[in-house]
């Protein structure tokens, strides 16, 4: 039980005193980068899907 208590104390010390938390501006910037990258990847996947759909419709016409 003593090991668990020491572990919890060490975790608290790490989070409360040694961790550098990002500022609001840094967090907002990182979120915008992730959002932009997600939208670009979604657009690329959509374009690839459209091209494959067109190619498949040419190979297997209705």
Protein backbone atom coordinates (compact mmCIF):
# COMPACT_ATOMS: atom_id res chain seq x y z
CA UNK A 1 0.00 0.00 0.00
CA UNK A 2 2.92 2.32 0.72
CA UNK A 3 4.16 1.94 -2.88
CA UNK A 4 0.80 3.10 -4.23
CA UNK A 5 0.75 6.16 -1.96
CA UNK A 6 4.32 7.07 -2.93
CA UNK A 7 3.44 6.62 -6.61
CA UNK A 8 0.42 8.92 -6.28
CA UNK A 9 2.51 11.55 -4.47
CA UNK A 10 5.19 11.37 -7.17
CA UNK A 11 2.55 11.73 -9.89
CA UNK A 12 1.08 14.77 -8.17
CA UNK A 13 4.51 16.37 -7.74
CA UNK A 14 5.27 15.77 -11.42
CA UNK A 15 2.00 17.27 -12.64
CA UNK A 16 1.81 20.15 -10.20
CA UNK A 17 5.41 21.36 -10.09
CA UNK A 18 7.50 19.97 -12.96
CA UNK A 19 5.14 19.92 -15.91
CA UNK A 20 5.13 22.90 -18.24
CA UNK A 21 1.59 23.50 -19.40
CA UNK A 22 0.97 25.26 -22.74
CA UNK A 23 -0.40 28.77 -22.77
CA UNK A 24 -3.82 29.47 -24.21
CA UNK A 25 -2.24 30.88 -27.39
CA UNK A 26 -0.04 27.80 -27.86
CA UNK A 27 -3.01 25.51 -27.28
CA UNK A 28 -5.16 27.44 -29.76
CA UNK A 29 -2.38 27.36 -32.36
CA UNK A 30 -1.90 23.61 -31.92
CA UNK A 31 -5.64 23.02 -32.22
CA UNK A 32 -5.75 25.04 -35.46
CA UNK A 33 -2.84 23.04 -36.88
CA UNK A 34 -4.61 19.77 -36.06
CA UNK A 35 -7.91 21.04 -37.49
CA UNK A 36 -6.21 22.20 -40.70
CA UNK A 37 -4.33 18.94 -41.15
CA UNK A 38 -7.52 16.96 -40.54
CA UNK A 39 -9.41 18.95 -43.16
CA UNK A 40 -6.61 18.55 -45.71
CA UNK A 41 -6.42 14.80 -45.15
CA UNK A 42 -10.21 14.50 -45.39
CA UNK A 43 -10.15 16.43 -48.66
CA UNK A 44 -7.40 14.18 -50.06
CA UNK A 45 -9.31 11.04 -49.07
CA UNK A 46 -12.50 12.46 -50.63
CA UNK A 47 -10.68 13.21 -53.89
CA UNK A 48 -9.09 9.76 -53.99
CA UNK A 49 -12.48 8.15 -53.33
CA UNK A 50 -14.05 10.18 -56.13
CA UNK A 51 -11.30 9.19 -58.57
CA UNK A 52 -11.58 5.51 -57.63
CA UNK A 53 -15.35 5.67 -57.96
CA UNK A 54 -14.99 7.20 -61.45
CA UNK A 55 -12.43 4.59 -62.49
CA UNK A 56 -14.60 1.75 -61.20
CA UNK A 57 -17.64 3.14 -63.01
CA UNK A 58 -15.62 3.11 -66.23
CA UNK A 59 -14.50 -0.48 -65.65
CA UNK A 60 -17.89 -1.76 -64.42
CA UNK A 61 -20.59 0.28 -66.15
CA UNK A 62 -24.18 -0.07 -64.99
